[in-house]
Amino acid sequence: MKLLIILLSGLFLFPVATIKTTEPPQSKKFKQEFLNRINKARHEGCNCGTAYMPPAPPLKWNDELADAAINHAEDMSSKNYFSHTSKDGRTVTDRIIATGYTFKGYKSFAVGENIAEGQMSIDEVMDGWLKSPGHCKNLMNPSFSEVGVAQFNKYWVQDFGGRVSFSPREEKMIKSGRYRVIQTRVPGH
């Protein structure tokens, strides 16, 4: 589908931009197309630059991660910047936790983010991320089990999360006081 934006001045129509659009962000087809592309790469394994990343378990869609992604894409668009750090200083971890995707009650917690600007389709943005070693490593990271992706105007954001629950035995030990949970934070997040 193509979208032609036009301005009307007197009786003349002036084409301003032609944009190839994919499915509306957050539609079922958009989510499934992204999951299919991501999970195909994770199933096969791939080279991320010079590092071989072995196959990894498939990711599941998470709406909280998708909310964090669309919020960041909209923020970058409205404030005209391109960065993993928001103009107000928030990190990807801050933005993801703010949506309700929290670490409390989990044994481990991992988050990551890929961003892109200007790509015209899911295939184009995924091809770019898979060709970039750092982005590719995020896509293939076995610590991540969930993903949410959004596209707004020319900005794409892919937020990853992974949480591991305590085992029943560990939960019992925590409740009895024989096991302590200590929160650590990765420097810079």
Protein backbone atom coordinates (compact mmCIF):
# COMPACT_ATOMS: atom_id res chain seq x y z
CA MET A 1 0.00 0.00 0.00
CA LYS A 2 1.28 3.49 -0.77
CA LEU A 3 0.26 6.68 0.95
CA LEU A 4 0.47 9.88 -1.05
CA ILE A 5 0.49 13.06 0.99
CA ILE A 6 -0.60 16.10 -0.98
CA LEU A 7 -1.06 19.79 -0.33
CA LEU A 8 -3.82 21.77 -2.00
CA SER A 9 -2.84 25.24 -3.14
CA GLY A 10 -5.38 26.93 -5.37
CA LEU A 11 -6.27 24.32 -7.96
CA PHE A 12 -2.90 22.54 -8.01
CA LEU A 13 -1.93 19.36 -6.18
CA PHE A 14 1.72 19.01 -5.17
CA PRO A 15 3.06 15.60 -4.14
CA VAL A 16 5.09 16.02 -0.97
CA ALA A 17 6.16 12.46 -0.11
CA THR A 18 5.46 8.90 -1.04
CA ILE A 19 5.75 6.43 1.82
CA LYS A 20 5.44 2.67 1.57
CA THR A 21 3.54 1.54 4.64
CA THR A 22 3.32 -1.84 6.28
CA GLU A 23 0.50 -3.02 8.47
CA PRO A 24 -0.55 -0.54 11.14
CA PRO A 25 1.77 -0.81 14.14
CA GLN A 26 0.37 -3.03 16.89
CA SER A 27 -1.97 -4.88 14.52
CA LYS A 28 -2.03 -8.66 14.80
CA LYS A 29 -0.38 -8.95 11.39
CA PHE A 30 2.39 -6.49 12.39
CA LYS A 31 3.10 -8.45 15.59
CA GLN A 32 3.06 -11.82 13.83
CA GLU A 33 5.27 -10.64 10.97
CA PHE A 34 7.88 -9.38 13.45
CA LEU A 35 7.71 -12.53 15.57
CA ASN A 36 8.09 -14.71 12.47
CA ARG A 37 11.21 -12.81 11.32
CA ILE A 38 12.79 -12.72 14.80
CA ASN A 39 12.05 -16.34 15.61
CA LYS A 40 13.25 -17.60 12.23
CA ALA A 41 16.67 -16.06 12.95
CA ARG A 42 16.66 -17.36 16.52
CA HIS A 43 15.70 -20.87 15.32
CA GLU A 44 18.49 -21.01 12.73
CA GLY A 45 21.25 -19.16 14.58
CA CYS A 46 23.34 -16.63 12.68
CA ASN A 47 26.55 -14.68 12.46
CA CYS A 48 26.46 -11.33 14.22
CA GLY A 49 29.52 -9.75 12.68
CA THR A 50 32.33 -12.19 13.41
CA ALA A 51 30.51 -13.86 16.33
CA TYR A 52 28.38 -16.92 15.68
CA MET A 53 25.20 -16.85 17.75
CA PRO A 54 23.73 -20.33 18.16
CA PRO A 55 20.00 -20.98 17.96
CA ALA A 56 17.98 -19.50 20.82
CA PRO A 57 14.46 -20.16 22.13
CA PRO A 58 11.64 -18.26 20.38
CA LEU A 59 10.46 -14.92 21.72
CA LYS A 60 6.88 -14.20 22.74
CA TRP A 61 5.10 -10.89 22.21
CA ASN A 62 4.70 -8.75 25.33
CA ASP A 63 2.33 -5.77 25.29
CA GLU A 64 4.18 -3.93 28.09
CA LEU A 65 7.39 -4.06 26.05
CA ALA A 66 5.41 -2.91 22.99
CA ASP A 67 4.06 0.02 25.04
CA ALA A 68 7.61 1.00 26.03
CA ALA A 69 8.63 0.76 22.35
CA ILE A 70 5.80 2.92 20.99
CA ASN A 71 6.28 5.50 23.75
CA HIS A 72 9.97 5.82 22.86
CA ALA A 73 9.31 5.94 19.10
CA GLU A 74 6.72 8.68 19.59
CA ASP A 75 9.05 10.59 21.91
CA MET A 76 11.95 10.45 19.43
CA SER A 77 9.61 11.59 16.65
CA SER A 78 8.05 14.47 18.57
CA LYS A 79 11.40 15.70 19.95
CA ASN A 80 13.40 14.95 16.79
CA TYR A 81 16.25 12.84 18.22
CA PHE A 82 17.63 9.32 17.81
CA SER A 83 19.04 7.71 20.94
CA HIS A 84 18.55 4.92 23.46
CA THR A 85 18.53 7.63 26.15
CA SER A 86 15.41 9.80 26.21
CA LYS A 87 15.80 13.59 26.17
CA ASP A 88 14.77 13.57 29.85
CA GLY A 89 17.58 11.12 30.70
CA ARG A 90 15.52 7.91 30.99
CA THR A 91 17.20 4.68 29.91
CA VAL A 92 15.59 1.70 28.23
CA THR A 93 15.38 0.04 31.66
CA ASP A 94 13.59 3.06 33.12
CA ARG A 95 11.10 3.20 30.25
CA ILE A 96 10.37 -0.53 30.32
CA ILE A 97 9.87 -0.64 34.10
CA ALA A 98 7.53 2.38 33.84
CA THR A 99 5.14 0.30 31.68
CA GLY A 100 4.80 -2.32 34.41
CA TYR A 101 7.37 -4.80 33.09
CA THR A 102 9.15 -5.11 36.43
CA PHE A 103 11.80 -7.23 38.06
CA LYS A 104 10.04 -7.63 41.41
CA GLY A 105 9.31 -11.25 42.19
CA TYR A 106 11.73 -12.60 39.61
CA LYS A 107 15.05 -14.36 40.01
CA SER A 108 16.61 -12.56 37.06
CA PHE A 109 15.68 -9.65 34.84
CA ALA A 110 17.19 -8.55 31.53
CA VAL A 111 16.19 -5.86 29.05
CA GLY A 112 17.58 -4.57 25.78
CA GLU A 113 16.62 -2.34 22.90
CA ASN A 114 17.17 -1.93 19.18
CA ILE A 115 16.27 1.32 17.45
CA ALA A 116 16.27 2.31 13.80
CA GLU A 117 15.31 5.31 11.72
CA GLY A 118 14.09 5.64 8.17
CA GLN A 119 13.43 2.05 7.13
CA MET A 120 10.27 1.55 5.10
CA SER A 121 9.22 -1.99 6.04
CA ILE A 122 9.57 -4.75 8.61
CA ASP A 123 11.85 -6.66 6.23
CA GLU A 124 14.11 -3.64 5.74
CA VAL A 125 14.45 -2.86 9.44
CA MET A 126 15.00 -6.52 10.39
CA ASP A 127 17.63 -6.94 7.65
CA GLY A 128 19.44 -3.88 9.00
CA TRP A 129 19.35 -5.09 12.59
CA LEU A 130 20.59 -8.55 11.60
CA LYS A 131 23.52 -7.01 9.67
CA SER A 132 24.54 -4.87 12.65
CA PRO A 133 26.56 -6.94 15.17
CA GLY A 134 25.21 -5.25 18.31
CA HIS A 135 21.58 -5.27 17.18
CA CYS A 136 21.93 -8.85 15.96
CA LYS A 137 23.31 -9.96 19.34
CA ASN A 138 20.24 -8.44 21.03
CA LEU A 139 17.98 -10.36 18.64
CA MET A 140 19.82 -13.60 19.38
CA ASN A 141 20.36 -13.11 23.13
CA PRO A 142 19.08 -16.25 24.92
CA SER A 143 18.45 -14.18 28.09
CA PHE A 144 15.54 -12.53 26.29
CA SER A 145 12.23 -14.39 26.14
CA GLU A 146 9.83 -11.58 25.22
CA VAL A 147 9.70 -8.72 22.76
CA GLY A 148 7.58 -5.73 21.85
CA VAL A 149 8.12 -3.69 18.69
CA ALA A 150 6.68 -0.40 17.47
CA GLN A 151 7.02 1.89 14.51
CA PHE A 152 6.02 5.55 14.57
CA ASN A 153 6.67 7.84 11.62
CA LYS A 154 10.27 7.06 10.63
CA TYR A 155 11.29 5.53 13.99
CA TRP A 156 11.40 1.83 14.91
CA VAL A 157 11.91 0.52 18.45
CA GLN A 158 12.32 -3.11 19.45
CA ASP A 159 12.34 -3.72 23.23
CA PHE A 160 13.42 -7.05 24.68
CA GLY A 161 12.84 -8.55 28.11
CA GLY A 162 13.65 -11.68 29.98
CA ARG A 163 12.52 -12.68 33.43
CA VAL A 164 13.14 -15.95 35.24
CA SER A 165 10.84 -16.92 38.10
CA PHE A 166 12.02 -18.39 41.36
CA SER A 167 11.54 -22.13 41.69
CA PRO A 168 8.94 -23.35 44.22
CA ARG A 169 11.84 -24.42 46.47
CA GLU A 170 13.44 -20.97 46.27
CA GLU A 171 10.10 -19.27 46.97
CA LYS A 172 9.66 -21.43 50.04
CA MET A 173 13.16 -20.54 51.27
CA ILE A 174 12.50 -16.81 50.69
CA LYS A 175 9.25 -16.98 52.68
CA SER A 176 10.99 -18.82 55.52
CA GLY A 177 13.73 -16.18 55.66
CA ARG A 178 16.51 -18.65 54.83
CA TYR A 179 17.04 -17.12 51.40
CA ARG A 180 17.58 -13.40 50.78
CA VAL A 181 16.94 -11.56 47.57
CA ILE A 182 19.53 -8.90 46.79
CA GLN A 183 18.83 -6.44 44.01
CA THR A 184 21.78 -5.46 41.84
CA ARG A 185 21.71 -3.07 38.96
CA VAL A 186 23.85 -3.09 35.87
CA PRO A 187 26.06 0.07 35.82
CA GLY A 188 24.71 2.73 33.49
CA HIS A 189 21.09 1.53 33.62
